[in-house]
Amino acid sequence: MRTNTARHGETGGRSSAPTSACSALGPEPTTIDTLLETRMRLIAHKMLVLSGKGGVGKSTVAVNLALALAQDGARVGLLDVDLHGPSVPTLLGLVGRSIPIDGGGEIVPVRYGERLEVMSIGFFLPHRDDAVIWRGPRKFSAVKELLAKVTWGPLDALVVDAPPGTGDEPLAVAELLPGADGAVIVSTPQAVAVADVRKAIVFCRELQVPVLGVIENMSGFVCPECGAVSDVFKRGGAEAMADDLDVPFLGRVPIDPAIVASADEGLPYLAVSDGPVAKAFRDAFAPLIATVLERGAEGRRQS
């Protein structure tokens, strides 16, 4: 992959930034808008995974939601639009994977297993320590091209892992995917996280993005020796917030050291565990999976 050195007027400093099919100028606006509409029409469900604060396990939730959908028979795409801290390649053990470009210059997603296809800005970085230093308009264009120029094909669901907060990337996805099913909001129980996550819910409401539900991650620590539960980050804060803001509460997921270990090894947690914490993930995902599979079954019957 080719790289260039960003000009000071573009980024406010000098940095290596990817210039590939993803970050090039791309086709004319009308062409890419048409391509975006065509691509997204082939995807039955589109779900954003958001948080108001970093460090709450949002990408872990996104990866395992996508995997759970695939394990249950759905055809799934997973798009990582965290341009400054893409972690999906690491979580799936795909770091260093090259991106196929077809004869028409379109981007072919990386396949993970039989039913999951993955795309991330991280695949375009020549070195994993490279920083992407882009201003808002360029980030919007990059997100648009990741949606429009990737050959997703027909999918039952597209899961979009957005960076924390309510900045350029979540805003771009919300604007580029009108009519999306909605957003899954991830929080930890403590007040400092919940306060920021409330802003993510207000963000969704202002942009008319339905809130599919809140997941309280890191909700208690289950001792692997005795099974006792310790509320390391308190308990129930995200559930209380969901009740206060009148949005669905999907469930609590306790801390499990194996989640960290599997992430470091590039293995999604639900691919290696079927214990109580894995069940908590699946219980939280159950309403989302049911909706996708029901719609997918209808589409297959009609075809």
Protein backbone atom coordinates (compact mmCIF):
# COMPACT_ATOMS: atom_id res chain seq x y z
CA MET A 1 0.00 0.00 0.00
CA ARG A 2 1.11 3.52 -0.79
CA THR A 3 1.40 6.18 1.88
CA ASN A 4 1.92 9.90 1.81
CA THR A 5 3.01 12.59 4.23
CA ALA A 6 0.11 14.77 5.28
CA ARG A 7 0.51 18.48 4.61
CA HIS A 8 0.36 20.89 7.50
CA GLY A 9 -2.63 22.70 6.05
CA GLU A 10 -4.60 19.44 5.96
CA THR A 11 -3.89 18.05 9.39
CA GLY A 12 -2.23 20.65 11.56
CA GLY A 13 1.00 18.65 11.58
CA ARG A 14 3.01 16.04 9.73
CA SER A 15 2.09 12.40 9.93
CA SER A 16 2.04 9.31 7.82
CA ALA A 17 -1.51 8.72 6.63
CA PRO A 18 -2.88 6.02 4.34
CA THR A 19 -3.69 6.90 0.74
CA SER A 20 -5.39 3.85 -0.72
CA ALA A 21 -8.74 3.13 -2.25
CA CYS A 22 -10.12 4.19 1.12
CA SER A 23 -8.47 7.58 1.46
CA ALA A 24 -8.04 8.61 -2.19
CA LEU A 25 -10.33 11.18 -3.69
CA GLY A 26 -12.52 8.44 -5.13
CA PRO A 27 -15.34 8.90 -7.62
CA GLU A 28 -17.37 12.04 -8.16
CA PRO A 29 -19.90 12.78 -5.37
CA THR A 30 -22.94 11.77 -7.42
CA THR A 31 -21.26 8.49 -8.34
CA ILE A 32 -20.28 7.57 -4.80
CA ASP A 33 -23.69 8.62 -3.47
CA THR A 34 -25.34 6.26 -5.94
CA LEU A 35 -22.88 3.52 -5.06
CA LEU A 36 -23.55 4.03 -1.34
CA GLU A 37 -27.30 3.78 -1.86
CA THR A 38 -26.89 0.64 -3.97
CA ARG A 39 -24.62 -1.07 -1.42
CA MET A 40 -26.77 -0.24 1.59
CA ARG A 41 -29.95 -1.42 -0.15
CA LEU A 42 -28.48 -4.94 -0.08
CA ILE A 43 -28.09 -4.89 3.71
CA ALA A 44 -31.20 -5.75 5.71
CA HIS A 45 -30.14 -4.39 9.12
CA LYS A 46 -27.65 -1.74 10.13
CA MET A 47 -26.63 -1.35 13.77
CA LEU A 48 -24.22 1.17 15.31
CA VAL A 49 -22.34 0.36 18.49
CA LEU A 50 -21.71 3.57 20.42
CA SER A 51 -20.48 4.80 23.78
CA GLY A 52 -20.01 8.19 25.28
CA LYS A 53 -16.69 7.24 26.85
CA GLY A 54 -13.65 5.20 25.91
CA GLY A 55 -12.52 2.15 27.81
CA VAL A 56 -15.99 0.67 28.36
CA GLY A 57 -15.46 -2.33 26.06
CA LYS A 58 -17.44 -1.00 23.10
CA SER A 59 -15.31 -2.70 20.44
CA THR A 60 -15.42 -5.97 22.37
CA VAL A 61 -19.21 -5.74 22.37
CA ALA A 62 -19.29 -4.91 18.64
CA VAL A 63 -16.99 -7.81 17.69
CA ASN A 64 -18.88 -10.33 19.80
CA LEU A 65 -22.27 -9.08 18.58
CA ALA A 66 -21.13 -9.57 14.99
CA LEU A 67 -19.76 -13.02 15.80
CA ALA A 68 -22.92 -14.04 17.68
CA LEU A 69 -25.02 -13.06 14.67
CA ALA A 70 -22.75 -15.06 12.36
CA GLN A 71 -22.76 -18.07 14.69
CA ASP A 72 -26.56 -18.07 14.58
CA GLY A 73 -26.60 -18.17 10.79
CA ALA A 74 -26.72 -14.52 9.71
CA ARG A 75 -24.54 -13.06 6.98
CA VAL A 76 -22.73 -10.22 8.75
CA GLY A 77 -20.45 -7.30 7.98
CA LEU A 78 -18.39 -5.62 10.70
CA LEU A 79 -17.15 -2.11 9.92
CA ASP A 80 -14.64 -0.40 12.23
CA VAL A 81 -14.84 3.37 11.72
CA ASP A 82 -12.61 4.28 14.65
CA LEU A 83 -10.10 6.07 12.43
CA HIS A 84 -7.69 6.98 15.23
CA GLY A 85 -7.78 3.81 17.29
CA PRO A 86 -8.95 0.89 15.14
CA SER A 87 -8.97 -2.19 17.34
CA VAL A 88 -11.14 -4.63 15.40
CA PRO A 89 -8.17 -6.13 13.45
CA THR A 90 -6.42 -6.84 16.76
CA LEU A 91 -9.52 -8.32 18.40
CA LEU A 92 -10.03 -10.67 15.46
CA GLY A 93 -6.37 -11.59 14.93
CA LEU A 94 -6.32 -9.88 11.53
CA VAL A 95 -3.45 -7.43 12.04
CA GLY A 96 -1.25 -7.31 8.96
CA ARG A 97 -3.90 -8.76 6.67
CA SER A 98 -3.70 -7.30 3.18
CA ILE A 99 -6.79 -5.82 1.54
CA PRO A 100 -7.82 -7.32 -1.80
CA ILE A 101 -8.74 -4.77 -4.47
CA ASP A 102 -10.82 -6.14 -7.33
CA GLY A 103 -10.36 -5.27 -10.99
CA GLY A 104 -12.71 -2.31 -10.71
CA GLY A 105 -10.77 -0.72 -7.86
CA GLU A 106 -13.33 -1.70 -5.25
CA ILE A 107 -12.34 -2.93 -1.81
CA VAL A 108 -12.98 -6.55 -0.86
CA PRO A 109 -13.68 -7.06 2.87
CA VAL A 110 -11.57 -9.47 4.89
CA ARG A 111 -13.39 -12.69 5.61
CA TYR A 112 -13.49 -14.10 9.14
CA GLY A 113 -14.98 -17.57 9.11
CA GLU A 114 -17.81 -18.43 6.77
CA ARG A 115 -20.34 -15.68 7.55
CA LEU A 116 -18.46 -12.62 8.81
CA GLU A 117 -16.78 -9.99 6.63
CA VAL A 118 -14.65 -7.25 8.19
CA MET A 119 -13.34 -3.83 7.17
CA SER A 120 -11.26 -1.34 9.17
CA ILE A 121 -9.06 1.66 8.49
CA GLY A 122 -6.44 -0.36 10.38
CA PHE A 123 -6.00 -2.61 7.34
CA PHE A 124 -4.72 0.37 5.35
CA LEU A 125 -1.98 1.43 7.77
CA PRO A 126 1.45 0.23 6.62
CA HIS A 127 2.61 0.05 10.25
CA ARG A 128 0.42 -0.60 13.26
CA ASP A 129 1.91 2.43 15.09
CA ASP A 130 1.04 4.87 12.29
CA ALA A 131 -1.25 7.72 13.32
CA VAL A 132 -4.14 8.97 11.19
CA ILE A 133 -4.26 12.75 11.63
CA TRP A 134 -7.21 14.01 9.64
CA ARG A 135 -9.62 16.88 9.99
CA GLY A 136 -13.40 16.43 9.98
CA PRO A 137 -14.17 16.64 6.23
CA ARG A 138 -11.53 14.09 5.36
CA LYS A 139 -12.82 11.75 8.06
CA PHE A 140 -16.35 12.05 6.69
CA SER A 141 -15.06 11.13 3.23
CA ALA A 142 -13.17 8.13 4.59
CA VAL A 143 -16.23 6.78 6.41
CA LYS A 144 -18.32 7.30 3.28
CA GLU A 145 -15.86 5.35 1.16
CA LEU A 146 -15.66 2.52 3.70
CA LEU A 147 -19.42 2.18 3.37
CA ALA A 148 -19.70 2.74 -0.39
CA LYS A 149 -16.56 1.27 -1.95
CA VAL A 150 -16.39 -1.98 0.03
CA THR A 151 -18.05 -4.86 -1.81
CA TRP A 152 -20.24 -5.91 1.10
CA GLY A 153 -22.80 -7.69 -1.06
CA PRO A 154 -26.09 -8.95 0.41
CA LEU A 155 -25.96 -9.06 4.21
CA ASP A 156 -28.43 -9.78 6.97
CA ALA A 157 -26.70 -7.22 9.19
CA LEU A 158 -23.93 -4.62 9.21
CA VAL A 159 -22.48 -3.85 12.64
CA VAL A 160 -20.62 -0.51 12.78
CA ASP A 161 -18.10 0.00 15.59
CA ALA A 162 -17.80 3.77 16.08
CA PRO A 163 -15.24 5.54 18.27
CA PRO A 164 -16.34 6.84 21.67
CA GLY A 165 -18.01 10.21 21.95
CA THR A 166 -20.22 12.14 19.57
CA GLY A 167 -17.64 13.42 17.09
CA ASP A 168 -17.03 13.19 13.36
CA GLU A 169 -17.16 9.44 12.84
CA PRO A 170 -20.44 8.65 14.68
CA LEU A 171 -21.97 11.74 13.09
CA ALA A 172 -20.84 10.61 9.63
CA VAL A 173 -22.31 7.13 10.10
CA ALA A 174 -25.59 8.51 11.42
CA GLU A 175 -25.89 10.86 8.44
CA LEU A 176 -24.82 8.29 5.86
CA LEU A 177 -27.14 5.53 7.12
CA PRO A 178 -30.58 7.13 7.35
CA GLY A 179 -33.10 4.50 8.30
CA ALA A 180 -30.59 2.38 10.21
CA ASP A 181 -32.12 0.06 12.81
CA GLY A 182 -30.43 2.07 15.54
CA ALA A 183 -27.63 2.09 18.08
CA VAL A 184 -26.49 -0.24 20.82
CA ILE A 185 -25.09 1.87 23.65
CA VAL A 186 -22.29 0.44 25.82
CA SER A 187 -21.47 1.71 29.30
CA THR A 188 -19.86 0.58 32.51
CA PRO A 189 -21.80 1.01 35.77
CA GLN A 190 -19.86 3.84 37.42
CA ALA A 191 -21.20 7.39 37.40
CA VAL A 192 -18.32 8.91 35.41
CA ALA A 193 -19.04 6.58 32.47
CA VAL A 194 -22.82 6.83 32.73
CA ALA A 195 -22.67 10.64 32.62
CA ASP A 196 -20.91 10.54 29.25
CA VAL A 197 -23.06 7.75 27.88
CA ARG A 198 -26.18 9.83 28.53
CA LYS A 199 -24.76 12.27 25.97
CA ALA A 200 -24.56 9.46 23.40
CA ILE A 201 -28.26 8.77 23.88
CA VAL A 202 -29.10 12.45 23.46
CA PHE A 203 -26.89 12.42 20.33
CA CYS A 204 -28.97 9.56 18.92
CA ARG A 205 -32.22 11.34 19.65
CA GLU A 206 -31.11 14.57 18.03
CA LEU A 207 -30.10 12.65 14.88
CA GLN A 208 -33.23 10.47 14.96
CA VAL A 209 -31.24 7.27 15.45
CA PRO A 210 -33.30 4.78 17.49
CA VAL A 211 -31.63 3.44 20.63
CA LEU A 212 -31.85 -0.35 20.42
CA GLY A 213 -30.71 -0.74 23.99
CA VAL A 214 -28.03 -0.25 26.62
CA ILE A 215 -25.51 -2.89 27.70
CA GLU A 216 -23.91 -2.51 31.12
CA ASN A 217 -20.44 -3.95 30.53
CA MET A 218 -17.93 -4.84 33.29
CA SER A 219 -20.88 -5.20 35.65
CA GLY A 220 -19.37 -7.16 38.50
CA PHE A 221 -16.44 -9.55 38.59
CA VAL A 222 -17.13 -13.26 38.88
CA CYS A 223 -14.35 -15.01 40.81
CA PRO A 224 -13.17 -17.97 38.69
CA GLU A 225 -12.32 -19.92 41.87
CA CYS A 226 -15.40 -19.54 44.07
CA GLY A 227 -17.97 -17.91 41.82
CA ALA A 228 -18.52 -14.96 44.16
CA VAL A 229 -19.43 -11.66 42.49
CA SER A 230 -17.58 -8.45 43.40
CA ASP A 231 -18.96 -5.14 42.13
CA VAL A 232 -15.65 -3.62 41.05
CA PHE A 233 -17.27 -0.72 39.17
CA LYS A 234 -20.48 -0.66 41.21
CA ARG A 235 -23.59 -2.17 39.65
CA GLY A 236 -26.76 -1.00 38.02
CA GLY A 237 -25.71 2.50 36.98
CA ALA A 238 -26.32 1.96 33.27
CA GLU A 239 -29.59 0.17 33.94
CA ALA A 240 -30.81 3.09 36.06
CA MET A 241 -29.79 5.51 33.30
CA ALA A 242 -31.66 3.47 30.70
CA ASP A 243 -34.76 3.52 32.88
CA ASP A 244 -34.42 7.26 33.47
CA LEU A 245 -34.08 8.00 29.75
CA ASP A 246 -36.76 5.47 28.79
CA VAL A 247 -34.60 3.30 26.53
CA PRO A 248 -34.37 -0.52 26.52
CA PHE A 249 -31.89 -2.18 28.85
CA LEU A 250 -30.35 -5.23 27.20
CA GLY A 251 -28.44 -6.65 30.14
CA ARG A 252 -25.30 -6.80 32.26
CA VAL A 253 -22.04 -8.46 31.28
CA PRO A 254 -19.59 -9.22 34.13
CA ILE A 255 -15.83 -8.90 33.93
CA ASP A 256 -14.00 -12.06 32.93
CA PRO A 257 -10.17 -12.09 32.69
CA ALA A 258 -10.57 -14.47 29.77
CA ILE A 259 -12.07 -11.61 27.73
CA VAL A 260 -8.78 -9.73 28.01
CA ALA A 261 -6.75 -12.84 27.26
CA SER A 262 -8.80 -13.75 24.20
CA ALA A 263 -8.61 -10.17 22.89
CA ASP A 264 -4.83 -10.15 23.21
CA GLU A 265 -4.71 -13.44 21.31
CA GLY A 266 -6.98 -12.15 18.55
CA LEU A 267 -9.83 -14.51 19.40
CA PRO A 268 -13.37 -13.19 19.97
CA TYR A 269 -14.59 -14.20 23.41
CA LEU A 270 -17.69 -15.98 22.10
CA ALA A 271 -15.45 -18.10 19.88
CA VAL A 272 -13.61 -19.58 22.86
CA SER A 273 -16.03 -19.51 25.79
CA ASP A 274 -19.49 -20.83 26.61
CA GLY A 275 -19.46 -20.04 30.35
CA PRO A 276 -21.68 -17.69 32.40
CA VAL A 277 -20.17 -14.48 31.00
CA ALA A 278 -20.57 -15.75 27.44
CA LYS A 279 -24.20 -16.49 28.31
CA ALA A 280 -24.57 -12.93 29.60
CA PHE A 281 -23.33 -11.61 26.25
CA ARG A 282 -25.74 -13.85 24.36
CA ASP A 283 -28.68 -12.91 26.59
CA ALA A 284 -27.95 -9.21 25.97
CA PHE A 285 -27.70 -9.80 22.22
CA ALA A 286 -30.79 -12.03 22.01
CA PRO A 287 -33.34 -9.33 21.02
CA LEU A 288 -30.99 -7.97 18.34
CA ILE A 289 -30.27 -11.42 16.92
CA ALA A 290 -33.94 -12.36 16.88
CA THR A 291 -34.81 -9.26 14.84
CA VAL A 292 -32.05 -9.91 12.30
CA LEU A 293 -32.80 -13.61 11.88
CA GLU A 294 -36.54 -13.00 11.50
CA ARG A 295 -35.98 -10.44 8.75
CA GLY A 296 -33.32 -12.62 7.14
CA ALA A 297 -35.66 -15.60 7.05
CA GLU A 298 -38.37 -13.45 5.42
CA GLY A 299 -35.92 -12.25 2.76
CA ARG A 300 -34.76 -15.78 1.98
CA ARG A 301 -38.37 -17.01 1.69
CA GLN A 302 -39.18 -14.19 -0.74
CA SER A 303 -36.12 -14.93 -2.84
